[in-house]
Amino acid sequence: DPRDLHSFPTRRSSDLQTERNGAVFFRKNRFEAPESAVRSIKRPALPFTGTTCEDMMEQEVFKAVRVTDSIYWVGAIDWTTRDFHGYLTSRGTTYNAYLVLADKITLIDTVKAPYKKELWARIASVVDPREISVIVSNHSEMDHSGCLVESIEMIKPDEVYASPMGVKALAAHFGPGLPVKEVKDGDSLDLGGMEAVFMETRMLHWPDSMVTWIPSAKVLF
């Protein structure tokens, strides 16, 4: 029962993460939100009304959740969804995004568009969102990339990456001209103090799906 969990991410293979040989693996399957991810949130969660980075940094409702010393969960919680891809989500679901505090601060995925301010507020509880240098889109469906365009416009990152099929899918969703670069299976990116390695996982979910591996942290997104 997720209500019995006292740490985030969880320790059960059916939930967000499993551990194998000391490595942390974040699953894309939805799960019922663990309590510690939302202890700082008043239920029902208050809407974030700020419109600038400064407003976000003053916001106290939504907080990032530490995964490691250099990685934070900055996603959003949807209390209303009761069915997600055929899975019963009686207590809602999460849209998972992660902040990697390398020299080049990196955001992995965004969230569904209505929850963009929750994402930005959680980021702002750790760093000014404008300090993000890299955005990685592991998957193009809207629970992962719904506010990608608005996040790019607000953050103005130096680089945005997706798989080759991801680039095509994002263009189909948002139109041509989105500044997204391809990373192919086995490509790596120096984030400064950390390395990100990209692995395509076509049709484990959809053709554009990929995972991002941070070897030094032993974390797979």
C-alpha atoms as a PDB file:
ATOM      1  CA  ASP A   1       0.000   0.000   0.000  1.00  0.00           C
ATOM      2  CA  PRO A   2       1.620   3.305  -1.070  1.00  0.00           C
ATOM      3  CA  ARG A   3       0.296   4.931   2.114  1.00  0.00           C
ATOM      4  CA  ASP A   4       2.816   2.852   4.047  1.00  0.00           C
ATOM      5  CA  LEU A   5       5.790   4.161   2.087  1.00  0.00           C
ATOM      6  CA  HIS A   6       8.102   6.589   3.857  1.00  0.00           C
ATOM      7  CA  SER A   7      10.586   7.532   1.142  1.00  0.00           C
ATOM      8  CA  PHE A   8      10.465   8.684  -2.434  1.00  0.00           C
ATOM      9  CA  PRO A   9      11.038   7.072  -4.867  1.00  0.00           C
ATOM     10  CA  THR A  10       9.490   3.846  -3.664  1.00  0.00           C
ATOM     11  CA  ARG A  11      11.181   0.486  -3.072  1.00  0.00           C
ATOM     12  CA  ARG A  12       8.681  -1.798  -4.748  1.00  0.00           C
ATOM     13  CA  SER A  13       9.180  -3.201  -8.259  1.00  0.00           C
ATOM     14  CA  SER A  14       5.579  -2.399  -9.128  1.00  0.00           C
ATOM     15  CA  ASP A  15       6.080   1.267  -8.379  1.00  0.00           C
ATOM     16  CA  LEU A  16       8.446   3.954  -9.618  1.00  0.00           C
ATOM     17  CA  GLN A  17      11.813   2.358  -9.036  1.00  0.00           C
ATOM     18  CA  THR A  18      13.604  -0.872  -8.474  1.00  0.00           C
ATOM     19  CA  GLU A  19      17.179  -1.367  -7.405  1.00  0.00           C
ATOM     20  CA  ARG A  20      19.635  -3.787  -8.946  1.00  0.00           C
ATOM     21  CA  ASN A  21      23.272  -3.968  -7.894  1.00  0.00           C
ATOM     22  CA  GLY A  22      23.048  -0.536  -6.340  1.00  0.00           C
ATOM     23  CA  ALA A  23      21.606   1.102  -9.466  1.00  0.00           C
ATOM     24  CA  VAL A  24      18.275   2.908  -9.428  1.00  0.00           C
ATOM     25  CA  PHE A  25      15.881   2.293 -12.326  1.00  0.00           C
ATOM     26  CA  PHE A  26      12.952   4.659 -12.856  1.00  0.00           C
ATOM     27  CA  ARG A  27      10.003   2.994 -14.528  1.00  0.00           C
ATOM     28  CA  LYS A  28       7.667   4.754 -16.938  1.00  0.00           C
ATOM     29  CA  ASN A  29       4.651   2.879 -15.575  1.00  0.00           C
ATOM     30  CA  ARG A  30       2.255   4.996 -13.576  1.00  0.00           C
ATOM     31  CA  PHE A  31       1.901   4.425  -9.865  1.00  0.00           C
ATOM     32  CA  GLU A  32      -0.172   5.734  -6.995  1.00  0.00           C
ATOM     33  CA  ALA A  33       1.538   8.775  -5.510  1.00  0.00           C
ATOM     34  CA  PRO A  34       3.639   7.990  -2.408  1.00  0.00           C
ATOM     35  CA  GLU A  35       2.905  10.093   0.625  1.00  0.00           C
ATOM     36  CA  SER A  36       6.378  11.614   1.063  1.00  0.00           C
ATOM     37  CA  ALA A  37       6.212  13.149  -2.399  1.00  0.00           C
ATOM     38  CA  VAL A  38       3.306  15.292  -1.302  1.00  0.00           C
ATOM     39  CA  ARG A  39       3.841  15.986   2.389  1.00  0.00           C
ATOM     40  CA  SER A  40       4.614  19.634   1.617  1.00  0.00           C
ATOM     41  CA  ILE A  41       1.409  20.019  -0.401  1.00  0.00           C
ATOM     42  CA  LYS A  42      -1.864  21.130   1.128  1.00  0.00           C
ATOM     43  CA  ARG A  43      -4.593  18.797  -0.086  1.00  0.00           C
ATOM     44  CA  PRO A  44      -6.230  19.763  -2.338  1.00  0.00           C
ATOM     45  CA  ALA A  45      -3.090  21.348  -3.769  1.00  0.00           C
ATOM     46  CA  LEU A  46      -3.197  25.099  -4.144  1.00  0.00           C
ATOM     47  CA  PRO A  47      -2.733  26.460  -7.682  1.00  0.00           C
ATOM     48  CA  PHE A  48       0.524  28.241  -8.438  1.00  0.00           C
ATOM     49  CA  THR A  49      -0.269  31.787  -9.505  1.00  0.00           C
ATOM     50  CA  GLY A  50       3.195  33.204 -10.169  1.00  0.00           C
ATOM     51  CA  THR A  51       4.196  34.207 -13.681  1.00  0.00           C
ATOM     52  CA  THR A  52       7.928  34.887 -13.345  1.00  0.00           C
ATOM     53  CA  CYS A  53      10.943  32.904 -12.172  1.00  0.00           C
ATOM     54  CA  GLU A  54      11.103  35.153  -9.125  1.00  0.00           C
ATOM     55  CA  ASP A  55       7.483  34.289  -8.275  1.00  0.00           C
ATOM     56  CA  MET A  56       8.277  30.600  -8.645  1.00  0.00           C
ATOM     57  CA  MET A  57      11.268  30.809  -6.325  1.00  0.00           C
ATOM     58  CA  GLU A  58       9.015  32.294  -3.621  1.00  0.00           C
ATOM     59  CA  GLN A  59       6.395  29.577  -4.088  1.00  0.00           C
ATOM     60  CA  GLU A  60       6.231  27.277  -1.034  1.00  0.00           C
ATOM     61  CA  VAL A  61       3.467  24.853  -2.006  1.00  0.00           C
ATOM     62  CA  PHE A  62       5.410  22.566  -4.356  1.00  0.00           C
ATOM     63  CA  LYS A  63       8.845  21.251  -3.420  1.00  0.00           C
ATOM     64  CA  ALA A  64      11.331  19.069  -5.281  1.00  0.00           C
ATOM     65  CA  VAL A  65      11.985  15.627  -3.798  1.00  0.00           C
ATOM     66  CA  ARG A  66      15.633  14.572  -3.417  1.00  0.00           C
ATOM     67  CA  VAL A  67      16.523  11.282  -5.093  1.00  0.00           C
ATOM     68  CA  THR A  68      20.314  11.576  -4.680  1.00  0.00           C
ATOM     69  CA  ASP A  69      22.583  14.453  -3.699  1.00  0.00           C
ATOM     70  CA  SER A  70      22.512  15.665  -7.300  1.00  0.00           C
ATOM     71  CA  ILE A  71      19.164  14.438  -8.646  1.00  0.00           C
ATOM     72  CA  TYR A  72      15.671  15.646  -7.745  1.00  0.00           C
ATOM     73  CA  TRP A  73      12.173  14.627  -8.717  1.00  0.00           C
ATOM     74  CA  VAL A  74      10.381  17.745  -9.984  1.00  0.00           C
ATOM     75  CA  GLY A  75       7.281  16.211 -11.530  1.00  0.00           C
ATOM     76  CA  ALA A  76       3.598  16.799 -10.876  1.00  0.00           C
ATOM     77  CA  ILE A  77       0.809  14.928  -9.107  1.00  0.00           C
ATOM     78  CA  ASP A  78      -2.589  14.508 -10.742  1.00  0.00           C
ATOM     79  CA  TRP A  79      -5.092  13.519  -8.041  1.00  0.00           C
ATOM     80  CA  THR A  80      -8.002  13.260 -10.496  1.00  0.00           C
ATOM     81  CA  THR A  81      -6.980  10.557 -13.004  1.00  0.00           C
ATOM     82  CA  ARG A  82      -8.607   7.220 -12.304  1.00  0.00           C
ATOM     83  CA  ASP A  83      -7.449   5.291 -15.371  1.00  0.00           C
ATOM     84  CA  PHE A  84      -4.099   5.633 -17.083  1.00  0.00           C
ATOM     85  CA  HIS A  85      -3.298   3.430 -20.092  1.00  0.00           C
ATOM     86  CA  GLY A  86      -5.665   0.833 -18.688  1.00  0.00           C
ATOM     87  CA  TYR A  87      -4.180   0.875 -15.178  1.00  0.00           C
ATOM     88  CA  LEU A  88      -6.444   1.672 -12.226  1.00  0.00           C
ATOM     89  CA  THR A  89      -5.124   4.792 -10.502  1.00  0.00           C
ATOM     90  CA  SER A  90      -7.591   5.181  -7.657  1.00  0.00           C
ATOM     91  CA  ARG A  91      -5.428   7.773  -5.905  1.00  0.00           C
ATOM     92  CA  GLY A  92      -4.302   9.602  -9.022  1.00  0.00           C
ATOM     93  CA  THR A  93      -1.028   9.469 -10.903  1.00  0.00           C
ATOM     94  CA  THR A  94       2.250  11.305 -11.331  1.00  0.00           C
ATOM     95  CA  TYR A  95       3.910  12.931 -14.317  1.00  0.00           C
ATOM     96  CA  ASN A  96       7.596  12.363 -13.716  1.00  0.00           C
ATOM     97  CA  ALA A  97      10.367  14.831 -14.467  1.00  0.00           C
ATOM     98  CA  TYR A  98      13.854  15.018 -12.957  1.00  0.00           C
ATOM     99  CA  LEU A  99      16.457  17.702 -12.341  1.00  0.00           C
ATOM    100  CA  VAL A 100      20.130  16.673 -12.621  1.00  0.00           C
ATOM    101  CA  LEU A 101      22.533  19.076 -10.910  1.00  0.00           C
ATOM    102  CA  ALA A 102      25.574  18.634 -13.114  1.00  0.00           C
ATOM    103  CA  ASP A 103      27.675  21.611 -14.229  1.00  0.00           C
ATOM    104  CA  LYS A 104      25.178  21.801 -17.079  1.00  0.00           C
ATOM    105  CA  ILE A 105      21.949  21.569 -15.096  1.00  0.00           C
ATOM    106  CA  THR A 106      19.659  19.177 -16.930  1.00  0.00           C
ATOM    107  CA  LEU A 107      15.898  18.682 -16.935  1.00  0.00           C
ATOM    108  CA  ILE A 108      14.746  15.216 -17.973  1.00  0.00           C
ATOM    109  CA  ASP A 109      11.193  15.346 -19.355  1.00  0.00           C
ATOM    110  CA  THR A 110       8.445  17.804 -18.485  1.00  0.00           C
ATOM    111  CA  VAL A 111       4.815  17.182 -17.441  1.00  0.00           C
ATOM    112  CA  LYS A 112       1.301  17.424 -18.776  1.00  0.00           C
ATOM    113  CA  ALA A 113       0.515  20.997 -19.812  1.00  0.00           C
ATOM    114  CA  PRO A 114      -2.023  21.857 -17.046  1.00  0.00           C
ATOM    115  CA  TYR A 115       0.666  21.041 -14.455  1.00  0.00           C
ATOM    116  CA  LYS A 116       3.470  23.181 -15.872  1.00  0.00           C
ATOM    117  CA  LYS A 117       3.501  25.642 -12.954  1.00  0.00           C
ATOM    118  CA  GLU A 118       3.839  22.772 -10.503  1.00  0.00           C
ATOM    119  CA  LEU A 119       6.877  21.550 -12.466  1.00  0.00           C
ATOM    120  CA  TRP A 120       8.410  25.016 -12.571  1.00  0.00           C
ATOM    121  CA  ALA A 121       7.743  25.629  -8.875  1.00  0.00           C
ATOM    122  CA  ARG A 122       9.432  22.361  -7.885  1.00  0.00           C
ATOM    123  CA  ILE A 123      12.439  23.256 -10.043  1.00  0.00           C
ATOM    124  CA  ALA A 124      12.537  26.708  -8.464  1.00  0.00           C
ATOM    125  CA  SER A 125      12.681  25.161  -5.003  1.00  0.00           C
ATOM    126  CA  VAL A 126      16.160  23.900  -5.984  1.00  0.00           C
ATOM    127  CA  VAL A 127      17.529  26.285  -8.638  1.00  0.00           C
ATOM    128  CA  ASP A 128      16.434  29.236 -10.720  1.00  0.00           C
ATOM    129  CA  PRO A 129      14.820  27.534 -13.764  1.00  0.00           C
ATOM    130  CA  ARG A 130      16.832  29.817 -16.030  1.00  0.00           C
ATOM    131  CA  GLU A 131      19.993  28.032 -14.885  1.00  0.00           C
ATOM    132  CA  ILE A 132      18.940  24.874 -16.750  1.00  0.00           C
ATOM    133  CA  SER A 133      21.256  24.304 -19.719  1.00  0.00           C
ATOM    134  CA  VAL A 134      19.912  21.044 -21.148  1.00  0.00           C
ATOM    135  CA  ILE A 135      16.458  19.504 -21.561  1.00  0.00           C
ATOM    136  CA  VAL A 136      16.123  15.824 -22.478  1.00  0.00           C
ATOM    137  CA  SER A 137      12.844  14.466 -23.837  1.00  0.00           C
ATOM    138  CA  ASN A 138      12.750  10.711 -23.286  1.00  0.00           C
ATOM    139  CA  HIS A 139       9.240  10.375 -24.689  1.00  0.00           C
ATOM    140  CA  SER A 140       6.949  12.591 -26.746  1.00  0.00           C
ATOM    141  CA  GLU A 141       3.529  11.781 -25.288  1.00  0.00           C
ATOM    142  CA  MET A 142       1.881  14.650 -23.491  1.00  0.00           C
ATOM    143  CA  ASP A 143       2.389  13.305 -19.972  1.00  0.00           C
ATOM    144  CA  HIS A 144       6.124  13.688 -20.676  1.00  0.00           C
ATOM    145  CA  SER A 145       6.258  16.650 -23.063  1.00  0.00           C
ATOM    146  CA  GLY A 146       2.998  18.541 -22.620  1.00  0.00           C
ATOM    147  CA  CYS A 147       4.723  21.755 -21.497  1.00  0.00           C
ATOM    148  CA  LEU A 148       7.997  21.224 -23.345  1.00  0.00           C
ATOM    149  CA  VAL A 149       7.488  24.162 -25.704  1.00  0.00           C
ATOM    150  CA  GLU A 150       6.540  26.551 -22.891  1.00  0.00           C
ATOM    151  CA  SER A 151       9.461  25.302 -20.796  1.00  0.00           C
ATOM    152  CA  ILE A 152      11.866  25.945 -23.677  1.00  0.00           C
ATOM    153  CA  GLU A 153      10.452  29.445 -24.094  1.00  0.00           C
ATOM    154  CA  MET A 154      10.721  30.205 -20.373  1.00  0.00           C
ATOM    155  CA  ILE A 155      14.037  28.504 -19.595  1.00  0.00           C
ATOM    156  CA  LYS A 156      15.831  29.125 -22.905  1.00  0.00           C
ATOM    157  CA  PRO A 157      18.176  26.120 -22.547  1.00  0.00           C
ATOM    158  CA  ASP A 158      21.307  25.801 -24.630  1.00  0.00           C
ATOM    159  CA  GLU A 159      20.341  22.339 -25.916  1.00  0.00           C
ATOM    160  CA  VAL A 160      17.269  20.116 -26.177  1.00  0.00           C
ATOM    161  CA  TYR A 161      17.622  16.421 -27.045  1.00  0.00           C
ATOM    162  CA  ALA A 162      15.377  13.537 -28.079  1.00  0.00           C
ATOM    163  CA  SER A 163      15.723  10.252 -29.948  1.00  0.00           C
ATOM    164  CA  PRO A 164      15.534  10.374 -33.776  1.00  0.00           C
ATOM    165  CA  MET A 165      11.930   9.175 -33.653  1.00  0.00           C
ATOM    166  CA  GLY A 166      11.332  11.542 -30.759  1.00  0.00           C
ATOM    167  CA  VAL A 167      12.391  14.523 -32.873  1.00  0.00           C
ATOM    168  CA  LYS A 168       9.850  13.480 -35.528  1.00  0.00           C
ATOM    169  CA  ALA A 169       7.120  12.868 -32.975  1.00  0.00           C
ATOM    170  CA  LEU A 170       7.666  16.220 -31.250  1.00  0.00           C
ATOM    171  CA  ALA A 171       7.528  17.978 -34.621  1.00  0.00           C
ATOM    172  CA  ALA A 172       4.238  16.199 -35.329  1.00  0.00           C
ATOM    173  CA  HIS A 173       2.859  17.327 -31.955  1.00  0.00           C
ATOM    174  CA  PHE A 174       4.126  20.902 -31.899  1.00  0.00           C
ATOM    175  CA  GLY A 175       4.975  21.746 -35.505  1.00  0.00           C
ATOM    176  CA  PRO A 176       8.308  22.273 -37.269  1.00  0.00           C
ATOM    177  CA  GLY A 177      10.995  24.544 -35.912  1.00  0.00           C
ATOM    178  CA  LEU A 178      11.258  23.118 -32.404  1.00  0.00           C
ATOM    179  CA  PRO A 179      14.993  23.317 -31.515  1.00  0.00           C
ATOM    180  CA  VAL A 180      15.482  19.626 -30.685  1.00  0.00           C
ATOM    181  CA  LYS A 181      18.641  17.689 -31.573  1.00  0.00           C
ATOM    182  CA  GLU A 182      18.817  13.960 -32.235  1.00  0.00           C
ATOM    183  CA  VAL A 183      20.729  11.616 -29.972  1.00  0.00           C
ATOM    184  CA  LYS A 184      21.130   8.073 -31.235  1.00  0.00           C
ATOM    185  CA  ASP A 185      21.405   4.787 -29.401  1.00  0.00           C
ATOM    186  CA  GLY A 186      24.690   4.749 -27.462  1.00  0.00           C
ATOM    187  CA  ASP A 187      25.376   8.474 -27.786  1.00  0.00           C
ATOM    188  CA  SER A 188      26.706  10.230 -24.707  1.00  0.00           C
ATOM    189  CA  LEU A 189      26.663  13.819 -23.530  1.00  0.00           C
ATOM    190  CA  ASP A 190      29.144  15.486 -21.200  1.00  0.00           C
ATOM    191  CA  LEU A 191      27.122  17.449 -18.659  1.00  0.00           C
ATOM    192  CA  GLY A 192      30.189  18.626 -16.761  1.00  0.00           C
ATOM    193  CA  GLY A 193      30.988  16.409 -13.813  1.00  0.00           C
ATOM    194  CA  MET A 194      28.474  13.863 -15.078  1.00  0.00           C
ATOM    195  CA  GLU A 195      27.865  11.977 -18.293  1.00  0.00           C
ATOM    196  CA  ALA A 196      24.483  11.110 -19.791  1.00  0.00           C
ATOM    197  CA  VAL A 197      24.224   8.056 -22.036  1.00  0.00           C
ATOM    198  CA  PHE A 198      21.175   7.605 -24.278  1.00  0.00           C
ATOM    199  CA  MET A 199      19.655   4.266 -25.241  1.00  0.00           C
ATOM    200  CA  GLU A 200      16.743   3.883 -27.613  1.00  0.00           C
ATOM    201  CA  THR A 201      13.975   1.569 -26.408  1.00  0.00           C
ATOM    202  CA  ARG A 202      11.742   1.492 -29.453  1.00  0.00           C
ATOM    203  CA  MET A 203       8.380  -0.171 -28.885  1.00  0.00           C
ATOM    204  CA  LEU A 204       9.008  -0.995 -25.257  1.00  0.00           C
ATOM    205  CA  HIS A 205       6.336   1.690 -25.172  1.00  0.00           C
ATOM    206  CA  TRP A 206       6.277   3.760 -28.381  1.00  0.00           C
ATOM    207  CA  PRO A 207       8.730   4.110 -31.309  1.00  0.00           C
ATOM    208  CA  ASP A 208      10.245   7.307 -29.908  1.00  0.00           C
ATOM    209  CA  SER A 209      10.940   5.979 -26.408  1.00  0.00           C
ATOM    210  CA  MET A 210      14.459   6.154 -25.006  1.00  0.00           C
ATOM    211  CA  VAL A 211      16.122   6.027 -21.604  1.00  0.00           C
ATOM    212  CA  THR A 212      18.860   8.194 -20.146  1.00  0.00           C
ATOM    213  CA  TRP A 213      21.596   6.634 -17.983  1.00  0.00           C
ATOM    214  CA  ILE A 214      23.784   8.607 -15.576  1.00  0.00           C
ATOM    215  CA  PRO A 215      26.667   6.161 -14.854  1.00  0.00           C
ATOM    216  CA  SER A 216      28.255   8.142 -12.022  1.00  0.00           C
ATOM    217  CA  ALA A 217      24.956   8.237 -10.103  1.00  0.00           C
ATOM    218  CA  LYS A 218      23.869   4.756 -11.229  1.00  0.00           C
ATOM    219  CA  VAL A 219      20.472   6.166 -12.141  1.00  0.00           C
ATOM    220  CA  LEU A 220      18.452   5.262 -15.221  1.00  0.00           C
ATOM    221  CA  PHE A 221      15.577   7.481 -16.334  1.00  0.00           C
END
